[in-house]
Amino acid sequence: MATDIMTFGADIFGPGSNFKKRFVEDHEKLAELVASLKKLNLPVVLLLGTFDLTHIGHARYLEKAKEQGAVVIVGVDVDEAIRIRKGPRRPIVPQEERLEMLSHLRHVDLVTLATDFDAKGFGGYGLVKMIRPYIFVL
């Protein structure tokens, strides 16, 4: 059964974090949802990041991303990739908490995990290829 935006409805765009609807773990399901958004001519913005110890720079980054399009999707780096890139003591905040925290921010519509990464811990570009966002924010 195809996923469409009506399946999610106000759960994504309404008040509250609605984490169970805003976190899309299955990337195939996310691709179907994005296709539905595009059929509605809603620009999709994708950004990738760690979001460990969220600070004002993150908030400004997300706000600018929201200004660029109607739907902001955040790909969050998995813990393993962060450990490779930033060391064994990172991340400080586990991926499950980072995902849920982002769903509480008004500039974020959907969150997912960026599960593809290279030997140096960089990645998420599989999401870019799959989603083909209107804008990809670095």
C-alpha atoms as a PDB file:
ATOM      1  CA  MET A   1       0.000   0.000   0.000  1.00  0.00           C
ATOM      2  CA  ALA A   2       1.437   3.340  -1.022  1.00  0.00           C
ATOM      3  CA  THR A   3       2.219   5.933   1.607  1.00  0.00           C
ATOM      4  CA  ASP A   4       0.754   9.353   1.028  1.00  0.00           C
ATOM      5  CA  ILE A   5       0.642  12.622   2.880  1.00  0.00           C
ATOM      6  CA  MET A   6      -2.953  12.016   3.952  1.00  0.00           C
ATOM      7  CA  THR A   7      -1.795   9.019   5.978  1.00  0.00           C
ATOM      8  CA  PHE A   8       0.189  11.449   8.112  1.00  0.00           C
ATOM      9  CA  GLY A   9      -2.138  14.466   7.908  1.00  0.00           C
ATOM     10  CA  ALA A  10      -2.104  16.930  10.790  1.00  0.00           C
ATOM     11  CA  ASP A  11       0.206  14.660  12.755  1.00  0.00           C
ATOM     12  CA  ILE A  12       3.129  16.117  10.826  1.00  0.00           C
ATOM     13  CA  PHE A  13       2.045  19.719  10.439  1.00  0.00           C
ATOM     14  CA  GLY A  14      -0.057  20.135  13.561  1.00  0.00           C
ATOM     15  CA  PRO A  15       0.956  21.125  17.076  1.00  0.00           C
ATOM     16  CA  GLY A  16       2.933  18.786  19.278  1.00  0.00           C
ATOM     17  CA  SER A  17       5.990  16.726  18.516  1.00  0.00           C
ATOM     18  CA  ASN A  18       4.038  13.721  17.188  1.00  0.00           C
ATOM     19  CA  PHE A  19       7.307  11.820  17.172  1.00  0.00           C
ATOM     20  CA  LYS A  20       5.781   8.531  16.063  1.00  0.00           C
ATOM     21  CA  LYS A  21       4.567  10.198  12.852  1.00  0.00           C
ATOM     22  CA  ARG A  22       7.462  12.612  12.285  1.00  0.00           C
ATOM     23  CA  PHE A  23      10.191   9.997  12.647  1.00  0.00           C
ATOM     24  CA  VAL A  24      10.299   7.919   9.483  1.00  0.00           C
ATOM     25  CA  GLU A  25      12.704   5.041   9.986  1.00  0.00           C
ATOM     26  CA  ASP A  26      11.954   3.197   6.746  1.00  0.00           C
ATOM     27  CA  HIS A  27      13.649   5.052   3.885  1.00  0.00           C
ATOM     28  CA  GLU A  28      11.388   3.456   1.267  1.00  0.00           C
ATOM     29  CA  LYS A  29       8.366   4.767   3.149  1.00  0.00           C
ATOM     30  CA  LEU A  30      10.084   8.159   3.363  1.00  0.00           C
ATOM     31  CA  ALA A  31      10.634   8.144  -0.421  1.00  0.00           C
ATOM     32  CA  GLU A  32       6.912   7.468  -0.964  1.00  0.00           C
ATOM     33  CA  LEU A  33       5.972  10.258   1.430  1.00  0.00           C
ATOM     34  CA  VAL A  34       8.318  12.684  -0.322  1.00  0.00           C
ATOM     35  CA  ALA A  35       6.790  11.731  -3.675  1.00  0.00           C
ATOM     36  CA  SER A  36       3.353  12.624  -2.264  1.00  0.00           C
ATOM     37  CA  LEU A  37       4.658  15.966  -0.998  1.00  0.00           C
ATOM     38  CA  LYS A  38       6.131  16.737  -4.412  1.00  0.00           C
ATOM     39  CA  LYS A  39       2.797  15.908  -6.099  1.00  0.00           C
ATOM     40  CA  LEU A  40       1.307  18.639  -3.923  1.00  0.00           C
ATOM     41  CA  ASN A  41       4.050  21.001  -5.184  1.00  0.00           C
ATOM     42  CA  LEU A  42       5.488  21.325  -1.681  1.00  0.00           C
ATOM     43  CA  PRO A  43       9.204  22.064  -1.848  1.00  0.00           C
ATOM     44  CA  VAL A  44      11.240  19.578   0.168  1.00  0.00           C
ATOM     45  CA  VAL A  45      14.368  20.718   2.009  1.00  0.00           C
ATOM     46  CA  LEU A  46      16.831  18.142   3.318  1.00  0.00           C
ATOM     47  CA  LEU A  47      19.639  18.705   5.744  1.00  0.00           C
ATOM     48  CA  LEU A  48      22.011  16.330   7.463  1.00  0.00           C
ATOM     49  CA  GLY A  49      23.722  16.651  10.812  1.00  0.00           C
ATOM     50  CA  THR A  50      24.755  15.250  14.143  1.00  0.00           C
ATOM     51  CA  PHE A  51      22.700  17.555  16.397  1.00  0.00           C
ATOM     52  CA  ASP A  52      24.576  16.416  19.493  1.00  0.00           C
ATOM     53  CA  LEU A  53      24.348  19.058  22.229  1.00  0.00           C
ATOM     54  CA  THR A  54      21.984  21.245  20.264  1.00  0.00           C
ATOM     55  CA  HIS A  55      22.824  24.959  20.446  1.00  0.00           C
ATOM     56  CA  ILE A  56      21.705  28.291  18.955  1.00  0.00           C
ATOM     57  CA  GLY A  57      23.680  27.634  15.771  1.00  0.00           C
ATOM     58  CA  HIS A  58      21.558  24.550  15.157  1.00  0.00           C
ATOM     59  CA  ALA A  59      18.355  26.538  15.751  1.00  0.00           C
ATOM     60  CA  ARG A  60      19.444  29.235  13.282  1.00  0.00           C
ATOM     61  CA  TYR A  61      20.483  26.596  10.737  1.00  0.00           C
ATOM     62  CA  LEU A  62      17.080  24.894  10.969  1.00  0.00           C
ATOM     63  CA  GLU A  63      15.241  28.218  10.754  1.00  0.00           C
ATOM     64  CA  LYS A  64      17.136  29.157   7.573  1.00  0.00           C
ATOM     65  CA  ALA A  65      16.371  25.744   6.110  1.00  0.00           C
ATOM     66  CA  LYS A  66      12.651  26.242   6.810  1.00  0.00           C
ATOM     67  CA  GLU A  67      12.773  29.614   5.039  1.00  0.00           C
ATOM     68  CA  GLN A  68      13.918  27.781   1.886  1.00  0.00           C
ATOM     69  CA  GLY A  69      10.998  25.395   1.531  1.00  0.00           C
ATOM     70  CA  ALA A  70       7.733  24.084   2.805  1.00  0.00           C
ATOM     71  CA  VAL A  71       8.848  20.746   4.299  1.00  0.00           C
ATOM     72  CA  VAL A  72      12.091  20.278   6.212  1.00  0.00           C
ATOM     73  CA  ILE A  73      13.477  16.765   6.560  1.00  0.00           C
ATOM     74  CA  VAL A  74      16.459  16.230   8.880  1.00  0.00           C
ATOM     75  CA  GLY A  75      18.750  13.247   8.417  1.00  0.00           C
ATOM     76  CA  VAL A  76      20.443  12.589  11.756  1.00  0.00           C
ATOM     77  CA  ASP A  77      23.831  10.875  11.861  1.00  0.00           C
ATOM     78  CA  VAL A  78      23.791   7.471  13.552  1.00  0.00           C
ATOM     79  CA  ASP A  79      25.826   7.037  16.743  1.00  0.00           C
ATOM     80  CA  GLU A  80      28.354   4.732  15.088  1.00  0.00           C
ATOM     81  CA  ALA A  81      29.245   7.286  12.402  1.00  0.00           C
ATOM     82  CA  ILE A  82      29.689  10.012  15.016  1.00  0.00           C
ATOM     83  CA  ARG A  83      32.035   7.822  17.091  1.00  0.00           C
ATOM     84  CA  ILE A  84      34.160   7.198  14.020  1.00  0.00           C
ATOM     85  CA  ARG A  85      34.267  10.882  13.094  1.00  0.00           C
ATOM     86  CA  LYS A  86      34.416  12.553  16.527  1.00  0.00           C
ATOM     87  CA  GLY A  87      35.869   9.945  18.866  1.00  0.00           C
ATOM     88  CA  PRO A  88      34.758   7.258  21.339  1.00  0.00           C
ATOM     89  CA  ARG A  89      33.153   9.694  23.802  1.00  0.00           C
ATOM     90  CA  ARG A  90      30.703  11.010  21.226  1.00  0.00           C
ATOM     91  CA  PRO A  91      27.870  11.356  20.771  1.00  0.00           C
ATOM     92  CA  ILE A  92      26.941  12.621  24.187  1.00  0.00           C
ATOM     93  CA  VAL A  93      23.229  12.378  23.413  1.00  0.00           C
ATOM     94  CA  PRO A  94      22.124   9.040  21.866  1.00  0.00           C
ATOM     95  CA  GLN A  95      20.496   9.043  18.441  1.00  0.00           C
ATOM     96  CA  GLU A  96      17.017   8.194  19.759  1.00  0.00           C
ATOM     97  CA  GLU A  97      17.010  11.292  21.974  1.00  0.00           C
ATOM     98  CA  ARG A  98      18.454  13.521  19.227  1.00  0.00           C
ATOM     99  CA  LEU A  99      15.710  12.384  16.833  1.00  0.00           C
ATOM    100  CA  GLU A 100      12.947  13.002  19.347  1.00  0.00           C
ATOM    101  CA  MET A 101      14.371  16.362  20.410  1.00  0.00           C
ATOM    102  CA  LEU A 102      14.425  17.550  16.792  1.00  0.00           C
ATOM    103  CA  SER A 103      10.770  16.586  16.359  1.00  0.00           C
ATOM    104  CA  HIS A 104       9.918  19.168  19.046  1.00  0.00           C
ATOM    105  CA  LEU A 105      11.405  22.028  17.018  1.00  0.00           C
ATOM    106  CA  ARG A 106       8.950  24.015  14.934  1.00  0.00           C
ATOM    107  CA  HIS A 107      11.221  24.276  11.906  1.00  0.00           C
ATOM    108  CA  VAL A 108      11.524  20.488  11.558  1.00  0.00           C
ATOM    109  CA  ASP A 109       8.774  18.485   9.858  1.00  0.00           C
ATOM    110  CA  LEU A 110      10.288  14.998   9.526  1.00  0.00           C
ATOM    111  CA  VAL A 111      13.326  13.231  10.938  1.00  0.00           C
ATOM    112  CA  THR A 112      15.119  10.083   9.870  1.00  0.00           C
ATOM    113  CA  LEU A 113      18.456   8.406  10.487  1.00  0.00           C
ATOM    114  CA  ALA A 114      21.309   8.837   8.043  1.00  0.00           C
ATOM    115  CA  THR A 115      22.495   5.239   8.126  1.00  0.00           C
ATOM    116  CA  ASP A 116      24.958   5.219   5.231  1.00  0.00           C
ATOM    117  CA  PHE A 117      28.470   6.432   6.029  1.00  0.00           C
ATOM    118  CA  ASP A 118      32.026   5.882   4.894  1.00  0.00           C
ATOM    119  CA  ALA A 119      35.130   4.703   6.772  1.00  0.00           C
ATOM    120  CA  LYS A 120      35.647   8.254   8.122  1.00  0.00           C
ATOM    121  CA  GLY A 121      32.080   8.508   9.452  1.00  0.00           C
ATOM    122  CA  PHE A 122      30.736  10.856   6.774  1.00  0.00           C
ATOM    123  CA  GLY A 123      27.575  10.051   4.895  1.00  0.00           C
ATOM    124  CA  GLY A 124      23.878  10.495   4.472  1.00  0.00           C
ATOM    125  CA  TYR A 125      24.223  11.045   0.765  1.00  0.00           C
ATOM    126  CA  GLY A 126      22.038   8.020   0.049  1.00  0.00           C
ATOM    127  CA  LEU A 127      19.212  10.109   1.505  1.00  0.00           C
ATOM    128  CA  VAL A 128      20.032  12.938  -0.874  1.00  0.00           C
ATOM    129  CA  LYS A 129      19.875  10.587  -3.864  1.00  0.00           C
ATOM    130  CA  MET A 130      16.670   8.976  -2.678  1.00  0.00           C
ATOM    131  CA  ILE A 131      14.793  12.120  -1.651  1.00  0.00           C
ATOM    132  CA  ARG A 132      16.118  14.410  -4.387  1.00  0.00           C
ATOM    133  CA  PRO A 133      15.182  17.477  -2.347  1.00  0.00           C
ATOM    134  CA  TYR A 134      14.290  20.820  -3.839  1.00  0.00           C
ATOM    135  CA  ILE A 135      17.094  22.200  -1.654  1.00  0.00           C
ATOM    136  CA  PHE A 136      19.899  20.382   0.145  1.00  0.00           C
ATOM    137  CA  VAL A 137      21.280  22.516   2.981  1.00  0.00           C
ATOM    138  CA  LEU A 138      24.873  22.011   4.059  1.00  0.00           C
END
